[in-house]
C-alpha atoms as a PDB file:
ATOM      1  CA  MET A   1       0.185  -0.072  -0.053  1.00  0.00           C
ATOM      2  CA  GLN A   2       3.003   1.739   0.875  1.00  0.00           C
ATOM      3  CA  LYS A   3       4.055   1.570  -3.077  1.00  0.00           C
ATOM      4  CA  ALA A   4       0.370   3.318  -4.326  1.00  0.00           C
ATOM      5  CA  ALA A   5       0.897   6.433  -1.867  1.00  0.00           C
ATOM      6  CA  GLU A   6       3.652   6.887  -2.615  1.00  0.00           C
ATOM      7  CA  ARG A   7       2.462   7.053  -6.284  1.00  0.00           C
ATOM      8  CA  LEU A   8      -0.125   8.698  -6.039  1.00  0.00           C
ATOM      9  CA  ALA A   9       1.934  11.919  -4.541  1.00  0.00           C
ATOM     10  CA  PHE A  10       4.085  11.836  -7.236  1.00  0.00           C
ATOM     11  CA  VAL A  11       0.992  11.692  -9.385  1.00  0.00           C
ATOM     12  CA  GLU A  12      -0.593  14.301  -8.287  1.00  0.00           C
ATOM     13  CA  GLY A  13       2.627  16.158  -7.489  1.00  0.00           C
ATOM     14  CA  ARG A  14       3.002  15.819 -11.611  1.00  0.00           C
ATOM     15  CA  VAL A  15      -0.242  17.287 -11.732  1.00  0.00           C
ATOM     16  CA  SER A  16       0.040  20.304  -9.796  1.00  0.00           C
ATOM     17  CA  GLU A  17       3.043  21.128 -11.794  1.00  0.00           C
ATOM     18  CA  LEU A  18       1.612  20.445 -15.250  1.00  0.00           C
ATOM     19  CA  SER A  19      -1.632  22.500 -13.608  1.00  0.00           C
ATOM     20  CA  SER A  20       0.877  25.645 -12.970  1.00  0.00           C
ATOM     21  CA  ALA A  21       2.503  24.915 -16.636  1.00  0.00           C
ATOM     22  CA  VAL A  22      -1.422  25.911 -17.976  1.00  0.00           C
ATOM     23  CA  ASP A  23      -2.036  28.195 -15.635  1.00  0.00           C
ATOM     24  CA  GLY A  24       1.407  29.936 -17.235  1.00  0.00           C
ATOM     25  CA  LEU A  25       0.631  29.290 -20.903  1.00  0.00           C
ATOM     26  CA  ARG A  26      -3.156  30.909 -20.209  1.00  0.00           C
ATOM     27  CA  HIS A  27      -1.362  34.004 -19.108  1.00  0.00           C
ATOM     28  CA  GLY A  28       0.793  33.777 -22.130  1.00  0.00           C
ATOM     29  CA  ILE A  29      -1.735  33.498 -24.620  1.00  0.00           C
ATOM     30  CA  ALA A  30      -3.621  36.334 -22.621  1.00  0.00           C
ATOM     31  CA  GLY A  31      -0.711  38.710 -23.034  1.00  0.00           C
ATOM     32  CA  VAL A  32      -0.259  37.787 -26.958  1.00  0.00           C
ATOM     33  CA  ASP A  33      -3.984  37.857 -27.620  1.00  0.00           C
ATOM     34  CA  GLN A  34      -3.523  41.730 -25.867  1.00  0.00           C
ATOM     35  CA  ARG A  35      -0.760  42.250 -28.074  1.00  0.00           C
ATOM     36  CA  VAL A  36      -2.868  41.405 -31.020  1.00  0.00           C
ATOM     37  CA  ALA A  37      -5.460  43.438 -30.313  1.00  0.00           C
ATOM     38  CA  ALA A  38      -3.297  46.388 -30.246  1.00  0.00           C
ATOM     39  CA  LEU A  39      -1.873  45.470 -33.175  1.00  0.00           C
ATOM     40  CA  GLU A  40      -4.998  45.568 -34.456  1.00  0.00           C
ATOM     41  CA  VAL A  41      -6.283  49.080 -33.385  1.00  0.00           C
ATOM     42  CA  ARG A  42      -2.575  50.543 -34.851  1.00  0.00           C
ATOM     43  CA  MET A  43      -3.498  48.732 -38.248  1.00  0.00           C
ATOM     44  CA  ASP A  44      -6.861  50.075 -38.532  1.00  0.00           C
ATOM     45  CA  GLN A  45      -5.841  53.725 -37.686  1.00  0.00           C
ATOM     46  CA  ARG A  46      -2.849  52.967 -40.742  1.00  0.00           C
ATOM     47  CA  PHE A  47      -5.382  51.646 -42.932  1.00  0.00           C
ATOM     48  CA  SER A  48      -7.396  54.824 -42.376  1.00  0.00           C
ATOM     49  CA  THR A  49      -4.099  57.310 -42.808  1.00  0.00           C
ATOM     50  CA  VAL A  50      -3.847  55.618 -45.959  1.00  0.00           C
ATOM     51  CA  ASP A  51      -7.111  55.117 -47.089  1.00  0.00           C
ATOM     52  CA  GLN A  52      -7.083  59.055 -46.837  1.00  0.00           C
ATOM     53  CA  ARG A  53      -4.031  60.177 -48.598  1.00  0.00           C
ATOM     54  CA  LEU A  54      -4.956  57.809 -50.960  1.00  0.00           C
ATOM     55  CA  ALA A  55      -8.790  59.843 -51.391  1.00  0.00           C
ATOM     56  CA  THR A  56      -6.958  62.479 -51.405  1.00  0.00           C
ATOM     57  CA  LEU A  57      -4.709  61.562 -53.928  1.00  0.00           C
ATOM     58  CA  ASP A  58      -7.046  60.177 -56.196  1.00  0.00           C
ATOM     59  CA  ALA A  59      -9.212  63.958 -55.870  1.00  0.00           C
ATOM     60  CA  THR A  60      -5.525  65.919 -56.838  1.00  0.00           C
ATOM     61  CA  MET A  61      -5.166  63.570 -59.943  1.00  0.00           C
ATOM     62  CA  ASP A  62      -9.300  63.770 -61.310  1.00  0.00           C
ATOM     63  CA  ARG A  63      -8.630  67.201 -61.392  1.00  0.00           C
ATOM     64  CA  ARG A  64      -4.942  67.416 -62.964  1.00  0.00           C
ATOM     65  CA  PHE A  65      -6.683  65.084 -65.453  1.00  0.00           C
ATOM     66  CA  SER A  66      -9.517  67.423 -65.747  1.00  0.00           C
ATOM     67  CA  GLU A  67      -6.999  70.387 -66.953  1.00  0.00           C
ATOM     68  CA  VAL A  68      -4.682  68.191 -68.931  1.00  0.00           C
ATOM     69  CA  ASP A  69      -8.146  67.228 -71.001  1.00  0.00           C
ATOM     70  CA  ALA A  70      -9.328  70.671 -71.327  1.00  0.00           C
ATOM     71  CA  LYS A  71      -6.108  71.979 -72.472  1.00  0.00           C
ATOM     72  CA  MET A  72      -5.688  68.959 -74.751  1.00  0.00           C
ATOM     73  CA  SER A  73      -9.221  70.195 -76.016  1.00  0.00           C
ATOM     74  CA  LEU A  74      -8.105  73.587 -76.868  1.00  0.00           C
ATOM     75  CA  GLU A  75      -4.739  72.073 -78.352  1.00  0.00           C
ATOM     76  CA  PHE A  76      -7.237  69.825 -80.805  1.00  0.00           C
ATOM     77  CA  LEU A  77      -9.228  72.722 -82.059  1.00  0.00           C
ATOM     78  CA  TRP A  78      -5.921  74.943 -82.784  1.00  0.00           C
ATOM     79  CA  MET A  79      -4.716  71.868 -84.758  1.00  0.00           C
ATOM     80  CA  LEU A  80      -7.577  71.290 -86.632  1.00  0.00           C
ATOM     81  CA  GLY A  81      -8.036  74.514 -87.568  1.00  0.00           C
ATOM     82  CA  VAL A  82      -4.753  74.610 -88.571  1.00  0.00           C
ATOM     83  CA  GLN A  83      -5.213  71.820 -90.538  1.00  0.00           C
ATOM     84  CA  ILE A  84      -8.738  73.102 -92.230  1.00  0.00           C
ATOM     85  CA  THR A  85      -6.285  76.502 -93.024  1.00  0.00           C
ATOM     86  CA  ILE A  86      -3.215  74.525 -94.841  1.00  0.00           C
ATOM     87  CA  PHE A  87      -6.606  72.663 -96.930  1.00  0.00           C
ATOM     88  CA  ALA A  88      -7.683  75.536 -98.094  1.00  0.00           C
ATOM     89  CA  ALA A  89      -4.583  77.093 -99.111  1.00  0.00           C
ATOM     90  CA  MET A  90      -3.655  73.584-101.047  1.00  0.00           C
ATOM     91  CA  ILE A  91      -6.894  73.515-102.911  1.00  0.00           C
ATOM     92  CA  GLY A  92      -6.776  77.396-103.417  1.00  0.00           C
ATOM     93  CA  THR A  93      -3.355  76.940-104.856  1.00  0.00           C
ATOM     94  CA  ILE A  94      -4.104  73.524-107.115  1.00  0.00           C
ATOM     95  CA  LEU A  95      -7.770  75.648-108.310  1.00  0.00           C
ATOM     96  CA  THR A  96      -5.341  78.741-109.179  1.00  0.00           C
ATOM     97  CA  ALA A  97      -2.489  76.286-110.944  1.00  0.00           C
ATOM     98  CA  PHE A  98      -5.240  74.595-112.750  1.00  0.00           C
ATOM     99  CA  PHE A  99      -7.096  77.320-114.417  1.00  0.00           C
ATOM    100  CA  ALA A 100      -4.064  79.481-115.038  1.00  0.00           C
ATOM    101  CA  ARG A 101      -3.562  77.205-118.060  1.00  0.00           C
END
């Protein structure tokens, strides 16, 4: 019976050690969980900041593209006007040469 009592005391000691180890693991996991939650909050803040910066950049790019589009439309009209004028001058020159004979 003595051996059974010794074995039972040994098993109780091991269970107590394992129980304290599990408690330590639980405490460590709780700390990791808190760190992950804090990291999640920081990442949300960073993503919000990046979203705001991208929205600002998008608005700026839209404005600039609109300005370039307006400028290109005006330059296209000038180019078209010059081409029509040159075409009319060429036709006039051809007709003058044709009727001058």
